[in-house]
C-alpha atoms as a PDB file:
ATOM      1  CA  MET A   1      -5.166   2.785  11.886  1.00  0.00           C
ATOM      2  CA  ALA A   2      -4.009  -0.733  12.611  1.00  0.00           C
ATOM      3  CA  ARG A   3      -1.485  -1.495  15.307  1.00  0.00           C
ATOM      4  CA  VAL A   4       1.993  -2.364  14.037  1.00  0.00           C
ATOM      5  CA  LYS A   5       3.867  -4.950  16.015  1.00  0.00           C
ATOM      6  CA  THR A   6       7.648  -4.996  15.647  1.00  0.00           C
ATOM      7  CA  GLY A   7       8.393  -8.462  16.983  1.00  0.00           C
ATOM      8  CA  VAL A   8       9.519  -9.922  13.653  1.00  0.00           C
ATOM      9  CA  VAL A   9      11.662  -6.921  12.757  1.00  0.00           C
ATOM     10  CA  SER A  10      13.356  -6.649  16.147  1.00  0.00           C
ATOM     11  CA  LYS A  11      14.028 -10.405  16.196  1.00  0.00           C
ATOM     12  CA  LYS A  12      15.674 -10.115  12.769  1.00  0.00           C
ATOM     13  CA  ARG A  13      17.800  -7.196  13.970  1.00  0.00           C
ATOM     14  CA  THR A  14      18.811  -9.130  17.089  1.00  0.00           C
ATOM     15  CA  ASN A  15      19.679 -12.242  15.112  1.00  0.00           C
ATOM     16  CA  LYS A  16      21.768 -10.206  12.686  1.00  0.00           C
ATOM     17  CA  ILE A  17      23.842  -8.769  15.530  1.00  0.00           C
ATOM     18  CA  LEU A  18      24.206 -12.119  17.286  1.00  0.00           C
ATOM     19  CA  LYS A  19      25.276 -13.750  14.026  1.00  0.00           C
ATOM     20  CA  GLN A  20      28.074 -11.188  13.681  1.00  0.00           C
ATOM     21  CA  THR A  21      29.273 -11.833  17.227  1.00  0.00           C
ATOM     22  CA  LYS A  22      29.449 -15.610  16.788  1.00  0.00           C
ATOM     23  CA  GLY A  23      32.695 -16.831  18.307  1.00  0.00           C
ATOM     24  CA  PHE A  24      33.004 -14.002  20.823  1.00  0.00           C
ATOM     25  CA  ARG A  25      33.540 -14.992  24.434  1.00  0.00           C
ATOM     26  CA  TYR A  26      31.158 -14.989  27.391  1.00  0.00           C
ATOM     27  CA  GLY A  27      27.968 -12.944  27.181  1.00  0.00           C
ATOM     28  CA  ARG A  28      29.235 -10.911  24.256  1.00  0.00           C
ATOM     29  CA  LYS A  29      28.000 -13.617  21.888  1.00  0.00           C
ATOM     30  CA  SER A  30      24.556 -14.159  23.400  1.00  0.00           C
ATOM     31  CA  LYS A  31      23.368 -10.999  25.170  1.00  0.00           C
ATOM     32  CA  ILE A  32      22.221  -8.333  22.766  1.00  0.00           C
ATOM     33  CA  ARG A  33      23.398  -5.299  24.753  1.00  0.00           C
ATOM     34  CA  ALA A  34      26.887  -6.712  25.269  1.00  0.00           C
ATOM     35  CA  ALA A  35      26.992  -7.915  21.663  1.00  0.00           C
ATOM     36  CA  LYS A  36      26.232  -4.441  20.287  1.00  0.00           C
ATOM     37  CA  GLU A  37      29.067  -2.919  22.273  1.00  0.00           C
ATOM     38  CA  ALA A  38      31.421  -5.748  21.331  1.00  0.00           C
ATOM     39  CA  LEU A  39      30.693  -5.119  17.647  1.00  0.00           C
ATOM     40  CA  LEU A  40      31.545  -1.438  17.998  1.00  0.00           C
ATOM     41  CA  HIS A  41      34.919  -2.263  19.512  1.00  0.00           C
ATOM     42  CA  ALA A  42      35.546  -5.049  17.006  1.00  0.00           C
ATOM     43  CA  GLY A  43      34.974  -2.612  14.159  1.00  0.00           C
ATOM     44  CA  GLU A  44      37.624  -0.270  15.514  1.00  0.00           C
ATOM     45  CA  HIS A  45      40.128  -3.102  15.876  1.00  0.00           C
ATOM     46  CA  ALA A  46      39.356  -4.339  12.355  1.00  0.00           C
ATOM     47  CA  ILE A  47      40.357  -0.991  10.857  1.00  0.00           C
ATOM     48  CA  ARG A  48      43.660  -1.085  12.705  1.00  0.00           C
ATOM     49  CA  GLY A  49      44.175  -4.721  11.715  1.00  0.00           C
ATOM     50  CA  ARG A  50      43.809  -3.985   8.010  1.00  0.00           C
ATOM     51  CA  LYS A  51      46.516  -1.323   8.241  1.00  0.00           C
ATOM     52  CA  GLU A  52      48.738  -3.602  10.309  1.00  0.00           C
ATOM     53  CA  LYS A  53      48.394  -6.451   7.801  1.00  0.00           C
ATOM     54  CA  LYS A  54      49.977  -4.288   5.099  1.00  0.00           C
ATOM     55  CA  ARG A  55      53.002  -3.555   7.317  1.00  0.00           C
ATOM     56  CA  VAL A  56      53.444  -7.191   8.269  1.00  0.00           C
ATOM     57  CA  ASN A  57      53.233  -8.394   4.665  1.00  0.00           C
ATOM     58  CA  ARG A  58      55.785  -5.859   3.450  1.00  0.00           C
ATOM     59  CA  CYS A  59      58.181  -6.957   6.201  1.00  0.00           C
ATOM     60  CA  LEU A  60      57.685 -10.584   5.194  1.00  0.00           C
ATOM     61  CA  TRP A  61      58.396  -9.799   1.532  1.00  0.00           C
ATOM     62  CA  GLN A  62      61.576  -7.965   2.474  1.00  0.00           C
ATOM     63  CA  THR A  63      62.730 -10.912   4.581  1.00  0.00           C
ATOM     64  CA  LYS A  64      62.145 -13.385   1.733  1.00  0.00           C
ATOM     65  CA  ILE A  65      63.994 -11.198  -0.768  1.00  0.00           C
ATOM     66  CA  ASN A  66      66.853 -10.624   1.661  1.00  0.00           C
ATOM     67  CA  ALA A  67      67.290 -14.362   2.268  1.00  0.00           C
ATOM     68  CA  PHE A  68      67.379 -15.076  -1.458  1.00  0.00           C
ATOM     69  CA  VAL A  69      69.691 -12.192  -2.336  1.00  0.00           C
ATOM     70  CA  ARG A  70      72.185 -13.017   0.437  1.00  0.00           C
ATOM     71  CA  ASP A  71      72.636 -16.466  -1.095  1.00  0.00           C
ATOM     72  CA  ASN A  72      73.708 -14.659  -4.266  1.00  0.00           C
ATOM     73  CA  GLY A  73      76.254 -12.340  -2.652  1.00  0.00           C
ATOM     74  CA  LEU A  74      74.298  -9.132  -2.009  1.00  0.00           C
ATOM     75  CA  THR A  75      72.405  -7.593   0.862  1.00  0.00           C
ATOM     76  CA  TYR A  76      68.809  -6.444   0.615  1.00  0.00           C
ATOM     77  CA  SER A  77      69.680  -2.756   0.708  1.00  0.00           C
ATOM     78  CA  GLN A  78      72.376  -3.124  -1.961  1.00  0.00           C
ATOM     79  CA  PHE A  79      69.960  -5.060  -4.163  1.00  0.00           C
ATOM     80  CA  ILE A  80      67.216  -2.434  -3.887  1.00  0.00           C
ATOM     81  CA  LYS A  81      69.734   0.352  -4.614  1.00  0.00           C
ATOM     82  CA  LEU A  82      70.965  -1.461  -7.733  1.00  0.00           C
ATOM     83  CA  LEU A  83      67.382  -2.072  -8.886  1.00  0.00           C
ATOM     84  CA  LYS A  84      66.632   1.637  -8.674  1.00  0.00           C
ATOM     85  CA  ALA A  85      69.877   2.488 -10.480  1.00  0.00           C
ATOM     86  CA  LYS A  86      68.903   0.143 -13.364  1.00  0.00           C
ATOM     87  CA  ASN A  87      65.312   1.524 -13.384  1.00  0.00           C
ATOM     88  CA  ILE A  88      63.758  -1.889 -12.748  1.00  0.00           C
ATOM     89  CA  GLU A  89      60.335  -1.323 -11.215  1.00  0.00           C
ATOM     90  CA  LEU A  90      59.391  -4.657  -9.691  1.00  0.00           C
ATOM     91  CA  ASP A  91      57.521  -4.389  -6.436  1.00  0.00           C
ATOM     92  CA  ARG A  92      58.503  -6.378  -3.372  1.00  0.00           C
ATOM     93  CA  LYS A  93      55.437  -8.600  -3.466  1.00  0.00           C
ATOM     94  CA  VAL A  94      56.243  -9.835  -6.968  1.00  0.00           C
ATOM     95  CA  MET A  95      59.924 -10.352  -6.144  1.00  0.00           C
ATOM     96  CA  ALA A  96      59.035 -12.355  -3.034  1.00  0.00           C
ATOM     97  CA  GLU A  97      56.763 -14.594  -5.122  1.00  0.00           C
ATOM     98  CA  LEU A  98      59.562 -15.039  -7.665  1.00  0.00           C
ATOM     99  CA  CYS A  99      61.941 -16.065  -4.872  1.00  0.00           C
ATOM    100  CA  ASN A 100      59.557 -18.817  -3.789  1.00  0.00           C
ATOM    101  CA  GLN A 101      58.075 -20.059  -7.056  1.00  0.00           C
ATOM    102  CA  GLU A 102      60.563 -19.127  -9.802  1.00  0.00           C
ATOM    103  CA  PRO A 103      64.037 -18.967  -8.229  1.00  0.00           C
ATOM    104  CA  GLU A 104      65.849 -19.242 -11.580  1.00  0.00           C
ATOM    105  CA  VAL A 105      64.056 -16.121 -12.861  1.00  0.00           C
ATOM    106  CA  MET A 106      64.931 -14.246  -9.684  1.00  0.00           C
ATOM    107  CA  LYS A 107      68.530 -15.432 -10.037  1.00  0.00           C
ATOM    108  CA  LYS A 108      68.632 -13.890 -13.529  1.00  0.00           C
ATOM    109  CA  ILE A 109      67.337 -10.605 -12.139  1.00  0.00           C
ATOM    110  CA  VAL A 110      70.011 -10.596  -9.427  1.00  0.00           C
ATOM    111  CA  ASP A 111      72.741 -11.400 -11.996  1.00  0.00           C
ATOM    112  CA  PHE A 112      71.496  -8.663 -14.310  1.00  0.00           C
ATOM    113  CA  VAL A 113      71.542  -6.116 -11.503  1.00  0.00           C
ATOM    114  CA  GLN A 114      75.041  -7.083 -10.378  1.00  0.00           C
ATOM    115  CA  LYS A 115      76.569  -6.459 -13.834  1.00  0.00           C
END
């Protein structure tokens, strides 16, 4: 049986790992052993970051809606309560976009809820 040399395969594996760690600091971007460990930790932080992004975005949407609604004489909590009472099921992301891009439409929604 012929001898199988793994130089090409191991070089590909190494390059794949080093490509993923591009931009890391110090030896974690160039030394394979440190890069492997750095990728493991980075993966854990990425999971947490995806969850955190959802929280941050929701907070941002609430802030945008609150700023718009306060200009029209309500608070955020009053506005959300009135929306639920009128059975209007717009999510916060859509309302925040309306506040930025279509303020006259959002103004109509606020007026409708206040009546």
